[in-house]
Amino acid sequence: MKFSKHNSHYESDITRFLKDLKQKDPALEEKQRTGRAIFWDKSPINLDERKRAEESRVRQQPYVYQTKG
């Protein structure tokens, strides 16, 4: 959707920067997808395993530096 006829060829500084960056490193987008897959795209959580992990977790005492006694 165009908002103005006068600035139809306008490119922001950021758009030009990104275009230049992609021209310098054509594999950049693939690297981004790989990084996203590593850190963000996780497999679905198995609810049984999660429940077992939560139940087996050792609770921390409220005041960790104070010993009982």
PDB file of N, CA and C in Angstrom:
ATOM      1  N   MET A   1       0.850  -1.174   0.000  1.00  0.00           N
ATOM      2  CA  MET A   1       0.000   0.000   0.000  1.00  0.00           C
ATOM      3  C   MET A   1       0.896   1.237   0.000  1.00  0.00           C
ATOM      4  N   LYS A   2       0.711   2.079  -0.981  1.00  0.00           N
ATOM      5  CA  LYS A   2       1.513   3.296  -1.087  1.00  0.00           C
ATOM      6  C   LYS A   2       0.759   4.448  -0.425  1.00  0.00           C
ATOM      7  N   PHE A   3       1.494   5.244   0.345  1.00  0.00           N
ATOM      8  CA  PHE A   3       0.891   6.370   1.025  1.00  0.00           C
ATOM      9  C   PHE A   3       1.053   7.669   0.247  1.00  0.00           C
ATOM     10  N   SER A   4       2.077   7.717  -0.587  1.00  0.00           N
ATOM     11  CA  SER A   4       2.332   8.958  -1.296  1.00  0.00           C
ATOM     12  C   SER A   4       2.937   8.651  -2.666  1.00  0.00           C
ATOM     13  N   LYS A   5       2.545   9.429  -3.648  1.00  0.00           N
ATOM     14  CA  LYS A   5       3.112   9.274  -4.986  1.00  0.00           C
ATOM     15  C   LYS A   5       4.490   9.927  -5.064  1.00  0.00           C
ATOM     16  N   HIS A   6       4.756  10.885  -4.222  1.00  0.00           N
ATOM     17  CA  HIS A   6       5.985  11.655  -4.290  1.00  0.00           C
ATOM     18  C   HIS A   6       7.209  10.853  -3.844  1.00  0.00           C
ATOM     19  N   ASN A   7       7.050   9.975  -2.891  1.00  0.00           N
ATOM     20  CA  ASN A   7       8.190   9.253  -2.336  1.00  0.00           C
ATOM     21  C   ASN A   7       8.149   7.770  -2.684  1.00  0.00           C
ATOM     22  N   SER A   8       7.746   7.435  -3.876  1.00  0.00           N
ATOM     23  CA  SER A   8       7.612   6.026  -4.233  1.00  0.00           C
ATOM     24  C   SER A   8       8.964   5.326  -4.378  1.00  0.00           C
ATOM     25  N   HIS A   9      10.036   6.075  -4.579  1.00  0.00           N
ATOM     26  CA  HIS A   9      11.364   5.482  -4.742  1.00  0.00           C
ATOM     27  C   HIS A   9      12.245   5.682  -3.507  1.00  0.00           C
ATOM     28  N   TYR A  10      11.661   6.126  -2.435  1.00  0.00           N
ATOM     29  CA  TYR A  10      12.423   6.388  -1.215  1.00  0.00           C
ATOM     30  C   TYR A  10      12.827   5.085  -0.540  1.00  0.00           C
ATOM     31  N   GLU A  11      14.079   5.018  -0.091  1.00  0.00           N
ATOM     32  CA  GLU A  11      14.577   3.902   0.704  1.00  0.00           C
ATOM     33  C   GLU A  11      15.216   4.471   1.958  1.00  0.00           C
ATOM     34  N   SER A  12      14.852   3.939   3.077  1.00  0.00           N
ATOM     35  CA  SER A  12      15.431   4.429   4.325  1.00  0.00           C
ATOM     36  C   SER A  12      16.882   3.981   4.433  1.00  0.00           C
ATOM     37  N   ASP A  13      17.591   4.598   5.357  1.00  0.00           N
ATOM     38  CA  ASP A  13      18.994   4.233   5.589  1.00  0.00           C
ATOM     39  C   ASP A  13      19.104   2.782   6.036  1.00  0.00           C
ATOM     40  N   ILE A  14      18.172   2.347   6.845  1.00  0.00           N
ATOM     41  CA  ILE A  14      18.207   0.973   7.345  1.00  0.00           C
ATOM     42  C   ILE A  14      17.977  -0.026   6.215  1.00  0.00           C
ATOM     43  N   THR A  15      17.047   0.282   5.328  1.00  0.00           N
ATOM     44  CA  THR A  15      16.782  -0.599   4.189  1.00  0.00           C
ATOM     45  C   THR A  15      18.020  -0.721   3.314  1.00  0.00           C
ATOM     46  N   ARG A  16      18.665   0.403   3.047  1.00  0.00           N
ATOM     47  CA  ARG A  16      19.890   0.370   2.240  1.00  0.00           C
ATOM     48  C   ARG A  16      21.004  -0.401   2.950  1.00  0.00           C
ATOM     49  N   PHE A  17      21.118  -0.205   4.262  1.00  0.00           N
ATOM     50  CA  PHE A  17      22.126  -0.928   5.035  1.00  0.00           C
ATOM     51  C   PHE A  17      21.904  -2.433   4.943  1.00  0.00           C
ATOM     52  N   LEU A  18      20.651  -2.865   5.109  1.00  0.00           N
ATOM     53  CA  LEU A  18      20.351  -4.295   5.050  1.00  0.00           C
ATOM     54  C   LEU A  18      20.603  -4.870   3.662  1.00  0.00           C
ATOM     55  N   LYS A  19      20.269  -4.122   2.626  1.00  0.00           N
ATOM     56  CA  LYS A  19      20.532  -4.590   1.261  1.00  0.00           C
ATOM     57  C   LYS A  19      22.033  -4.739   1.024  1.00  0.00           C
ATOM     58  N   ASP A  20      22.812  -3.754   1.469  1.00  0.00           N
ATOM     59  CA  ASP A  20      24.271  -3.827   1.319  1.00  0.00           C
ATOM     60  C   ASP A  20      24.845  -5.000   2.101  1.00  0.00           C
ATOM     61  N   LEU A  21      24.336  -5.199   3.310  1.00  0.00           N
ATOM     62  CA  LEU A  21      24.811  -6.300   4.149  1.00  0.00           C
ATOM     63  C   LEU A  21      24.528  -7.647   3.497  1.00  0.00           C
ATOM     64  N   LYS A  22      23.354  -7.802   2.916  1.00  0.00           N
ATOM     65  CA  LYS A  22      22.995  -9.061   2.242  1.00  0.00           C
ATOM     66  C   LYS A  22      23.799  -9.265   0.963  1.00  0.00           C
ATOM     67  N   GLN A  23      24.166  -8.175   0.295  1.00  0.00           N
ATOM     68  CA  GLN A  23      25.003  -8.301  -0.898  1.00  0.00           C
ATOM     69  C   GLN A  23      26.419  -8.719  -0.534  1.00  0.00           C
ATOM     70  N   LYS A  24      26.928  -8.212   0.586  1.00  0.00           N
ATOM     71  CA  LYS A  24      28.281  -8.563   1.014  1.00  0.00           C
ATOM     72  C   LYS A  24      28.368 -10.001   1.507  1.00  0.00           C
ATOM     73  N   ASP A  25      27.303 -10.484   2.130  1.00  0.00           N
ATOM     74  CA  ASP A  25      27.283 -11.848   2.670  1.00  0.00           C
ATOM     75  C   ASP A  25      25.986 -12.534   2.241  1.00  0.00           C
ATOM     76  N   PRO A  26      25.990 -13.174   1.072  1.00  0.00           N
ATOM     77  CA  PRO A  26      24.757 -13.791   0.560  1.00  0.00           C
ATOM     78  C   PRO A  26      24.222 -14.916   1.453  1.00  0.00           C
ATOM     79  N   ALA A  27      25.061 -15.511   2.278  1.00  0.00           N
ATOM     80  CA  ALA A  27      24.620 -16.607   3.145  1.00  0.00           C
ATOM     81  C   ALA A  27      24.088 -16.106   4.480  1.00  0.00           C
ATOM     82  N   LEU A  28      23.925 -14.808   4.635  1.00  0.00           N
ATOM     83  CA  LEU A  28      23.504 -14.224   5.900  1.00  0.00           C
ATOM     84  C   LEU A  28      22.141 -14.733   6.355  1.00  0.00           C
ATOM     85  N   GLU A  29      21.181 -14.777   5.462  1.00  0.00           N
ATOM     86  CA  GLU A  29      19.840 -15.217   5.842  1.00  0.00           C
ATOM     87  C   GLU A  29      19.841 -16.684   6.280  1.00  0.00           C
ATOM     88  N   GLU A  30      20.626 -17.499   5.618  1.00  0.00           N
ATOM     89  CA  GLU A  30      20.715 -18.912   6.017  1.00  0.00           C
ATOM     90  C   GLU A  30      21.351 -19.035   7.399  1.00  0.00           C
ATOM     91  N   LYS A  31      22.349 -18.211   7.675  1.00  0.00           N
ATOM     92  CA  LYS A  31      22.977 -18.206   8.999  1.00  0.00           C
ATOM     93  C   LYS A  31      21.970 -17.776  10.064  1.00  0.00           C
ATOM     94  N   GLN A  32      21.129 -16.803   9.733  1.00  0.00           N
ATOM     95  CA  GLN A  32      20.106 -16.355  10.673  1.00  0.00           C
ATOM     96  C   GLN A  32      19.110 -17.479  10.962  1.00  0.00           C
ATOM     97  N   ARG A  33      18.698 -18.184   9.929  1.00  0.00           N
ATOM     98  CA  ARG A  33      17.753 -19.297  10.124  1.00  0.00           C
ATOM     99  C   ARG A  33      18.378 -20.396  10.979  1.00  0.00           C
ATOM    100  N   THR A  34      19.653 -20.685  10.743  1.00  0.00           N
ATOM    101  CA  THR A  34      20.345 -21.702  11.534  1.00  0.00           C
ATOM    102  C   THR A  34      20.427 -21.280  12.993  1.00  0.00           C
ATOM    103  N   GLY A  35      20.768 -20.036  13.245  1.00  0.00           N
ATOM    104  CA  GLY A  35      20.835 -19.527  14.612  1.00  0.00           C
ATOM    105  C   GLY A  35      19.488 -19.556  15.295  1.00  0.00           C
ATOM    106  N   ARG A  36      18.451 -19.208  14.567  1.00  0.00           N
ATOM    107  CA  ARG A  36      17.110 -19.245  15.142  1.00  0.00           C
ATOM    108  C   ARG A  36      16.721 -20.674  15.495  1.00  0.00           C
ATOM    109  N   ALA A  37      17.062 -21.615  14.632  1.00  0.00           N
ATOM    110  CA  ALA A  37      16.723 -23.015  14.895  1.00  0.00           C
ATOM    111  C   ALA A  37      17.424 -23.517  16.151  1.00  0.00           C
ATOM    112  N   ILE A  38      18.644 -23.039  16.386  1.00  0.00           N
ATOM    113  CA  ILE A  38      19.388 -23.477  17.559  1.00  0.00           C
ATOM    114  C   ILE A  38      18.756 -22.944  18.840  1.00  0.00           C
ATOM    115  N   PHE A  39      18.431 -21.648  18.854  1.00  0.00           N
ATOM    116  CA  PHE A  39      18.039 -21.011  20.101  1.00  0.00           C
ATOM    117  C   PHE A  39      16.537 -20.853  20.313  1.00  0.00           C
ATOM    118  N   TRP A  40      15.739 -20.837  19.261  1.00  0.00           N
ATOM    119  CA  TRP A  40      14.322 -20.522  19.424  1.00  0.00           C
ATOM    120  C   TRP A  40      13.379 -21.633  19.003  1.00  0.00           C
ATOM    121  N   ASP A  41      13.652 -22.296  17.916  1.00  0.00           N
ATOM    122  CA  ASP A  41      12.732 -23.316  17.413  1.00  0.00           C
ATOM    123  C   ASP A  41      12.978 -24.622  18.153  1.00  0.00           C
ATOM    124  N   LYS A  42      12.210 -24.853  19.183  1.00  0.00           N
ATOM    125  CA  LYS A  42      12.388 -26.039  20.013  1.00  0.00           C
ATOM    126  C   LYS A  42      11.312 -27.069  19.681  1.00  0.00           C
ATOM    127  N   SER A  43      11.635 -28.311  19.953  1.00  0.00           N
ATOM    128  CA  SER A  43      10.656 -29.372  19.733  1.00  0.00           C
ATOM    129  C   SER A  43       9.573 -29.273  20.811  1.00  0.00           C
ATOM    130  N   PRO A  44       8.408 -29.826  20.560  1.00  0.00           N
ATOM    131  CA  PRO A  44       7.326 -29.763  21.550  1.00  0.00           C
ATOM    132  C   PRO A  44       7.730 -30.432  22.867  1.00  0.00           C
ATOM    133  N   ILE A  45       7.178 -29.918  23.942  1.00  0.00           N
ATOM    134  CA  ILE A  45       7.505 -30.413  25.272  1.00  0.00           C
ATOM    135  C   ILE A  45       6.714 -31.686  25.558  1.00  0.00           C
ATOM    136  N   ASN A  46       7.404 -32.695  26.064  1.00  0.00           N
ATOM    137  CA  ASN A  46       6.742 -33.916  26.502  1.00  0.00           C
ATOM    138  C   ASN A  46       6.244 -33.650  27.924  1.00  0.00           C
ATOM    139  N   LEU A  47       4.934 -33.647  28.116  1.00  0.00           N
ATOM    140  CA  LEU A  47       4.361 -33.256  29.399  1.00  0.00           C
ATOM    141  C   LEU A  47       4.708 -34.231  30.513  1.00  0.00           C
ATOM    142  N   ASP A  48       4.808 -35.520  30.204  1.00  0.00           N
ATOM    143  CA  ASP A  48       5.162 -36.493  31.231  1.00  0.00           C
ATOM    144  C   ASP A  48       6.584 -36.269  31.740  1.00  0.00           C
ATOM    145  N   GLU A  49       7.515 -36.019  30.830  1.00  0.00           N
ATOM    146  CA  GLU A  49       8.893 -35.768  31.231  1.00  0.00           C
ATOM    147  C   GLU A  49       8.999 -34.470  32.023  1.00  0.00           C
ATOM    148  N   ARG A  50       8.254 -33.472  31.623  1.00  0.00           N
ATOM    149  CA  ARG A  50       8.293 -32.194  32.334  1.00  0.00           C
ATOM    150  C   ARG A  50       7.754 -32.350  33.757  1.00  0.00           C
ATOM    151  N   LYS A  51       6.661 -33.085  33.903  1.00  0.00           N
ATOM    152  CA  LYS A  51       6.083 -33.308  35.228  1.00  0.00           C
ATOM    153  C   LYS A  51       7.076 -34.048  36.117  1.00  0.00           C
ATOM    154  N   ARG A  52       7.724 -35.070  35.575  1.00  0.00           N
ATOM    155  CA  ARG A  52       8.696 -35.842  36.337  1.00  0.00           C
ATOM    156  C   ARG A  52       9.875 -34.962  36.755  1.00  0.00           C
ATOM    157  N   ALA A  53      10.340 -34.095  35.867  1.00  0.00           N
ATOM    158  CA  ALA A  53      11.457 -33.207  36.179  1.00  0.00           C
ATOM    159  C   ALA A  53      11.074 -32.215  37.273  1.00  0.00           C
ATOM    160  N   GLU A  54       9.861 -31.677  37.224  1.00  0.00           N
ATOM    161  CA  GLU A  54       9.411 -30.735  38.246  1.00  0.00           C
ATOM    162  C   GLU A  54       9.267 -31.421  39.598  1.00  0.00           C
ATOM    163  N   GLU A  55       8.771 -32.666  39.601  1.00  0.00           N
ATOM    164  CA  GLU A  55       8.597 -33.393  40.858  1.00  0.00           C
ATOM    165  C   GLU A  55       9.933 -33.798  41.474  1.00  0.00           C
ATOM    166  N   SER A  56      10.941 -34.032  40.653  1.00  0.00           N
ATOM    167  CA  SER A  56      12.231 -34.474  41.179  1.00  0.00           C
ATOM    168  C   SER A  56      13.158 -33.312  41.518  1.00  0.00           C
ATOM    169  N   ARG A  57      12.711 -32.111  41.289  1.00  0.00           N
ATOM    170  CA  ARG A  57      13.525 -30.927  41.566  1.00  0.00           C
ATOM    171  C   ARG A  57      13.675 -30.735  43.073  1.00  0.00           C
ATOM    172  N   VAL A  58      14.892 -30.447  43.512  1.00  0.00           N
ATOM    173  CA  VAL A  58      15.157 -30.201  44.921  1.00  0.00           C
ATOM    174  C   VAL A  58      14.834 -28.747  45.217  1.00  0.00           C
ATOM    175  N   ARG A  59      13.983 -28.539  46.201  1.00  0.00           N
ATOM    176  CA  ARG A  59      13.575 -27.178  46.552  1.00  0.00           C
ATOM    177  C   ARG A  59      14.695 -26.463  47.297  1.00  0.00           C
ATOM    178  N   GLN A  60      14.859 -25.192  46.990  1.00  0.00           N
ATOM    179  CA  GLN A  60      15.880 -24.389  47.636  1.00  0.00           C
ATOM    180  C   GLN A  60      15.284 -23.733  48.871  1.00  0.00           C
ATOM    181  N   GLN A  61      16.061 -23.680  49.955  1.00  0.00           N
ATOM    182  CA  GLN A  61      15.557 -23.031  51.159  1.00  0.00           C
ATOM    183  C   GLN A  61      15.466 -21.533  50.936  1.00  0.00           C
ATOM    184  N   PRO A  62      14.548 -20.832  51.648  1.00  0.00           N
ATOM    185  CA  PRO A  62      14.332 -19.402  51.403  1.00  0.00           C
ATOM    186  C   PRO A  62      15.571 -18.540  51.602  1.00  0.00           C
ATOM    187  N   TYR A  63      16.354 -18.832  52.626  1.00  0.00           N
ATOM    188  CA  TYR A  63      17.550 -18.049  52.900  1.00  0.00           C
ATOM    189  C   TYR A  63      18.758 -18.949  52.642  1.00  0.00           C
ATOM    190  N   VAL A  64      19.309 -18.850  51.456  1.00  0.00           N
ATOM    191  CA  VAL A  64      20.319 -19.817  51.026  1.00  0.00           C
ATOM    192  C   VAL A  64      21.630 -19.709  51.814  1.00  0.00           C
ATOM    193  N   TYR A  65      21.926 -18.560  52.407  1.00  0.00           N
ATOM    194  CA  TYR A  65      23.187 -18.397  53.127  1.00  0.00           C
ATOM    195  C   TYR A  65      23.056 -18.675  54.612  1.00  0.00           C
ATOM    196  N   GLN A  66      21.842 -18.989  55.064  1.00  0.00           N
ATOM    197  CA  GLN A  66      21.632 -19.277  56.474  1.00  0.00           C
ATOM    198  C   GLN A  66      21.498 -20.791  56.647  1.00  0.00           C
ATOM    199  N   THR A  67      22.351 -21.361  57.478  1.00  0.00           N
ATOM    200  CA  THR A  67      22.272 -22.804  57.701  1.00  0.00           C
ATOM    201  C   THR A  67      21.273 -23.097  58.801  1.00  0.00           C
ATOM    202  N   LYS A  68      20.720 -24.266  58.753  1.00  0.00           N
ATOM    203  CA  LYS A  68      19.775 -24.674  59.797  1.00  0.00           C
ATOM    204  C   LYS A  68      20.570 -25.073  61.032  1.00  0.00           C
ATOM    205  N   GLY A  69      20.114 -24.620  62.181  1.00  0.00           N
ATOM    206  CA  GLY A  69      20.812 -25.093  63.352  1.00  0.00           C
ATOM    207  C   GLY A  69      20.787 -24.213  64.480  1.00  0.00           C
TER     208      GLY A  69
END
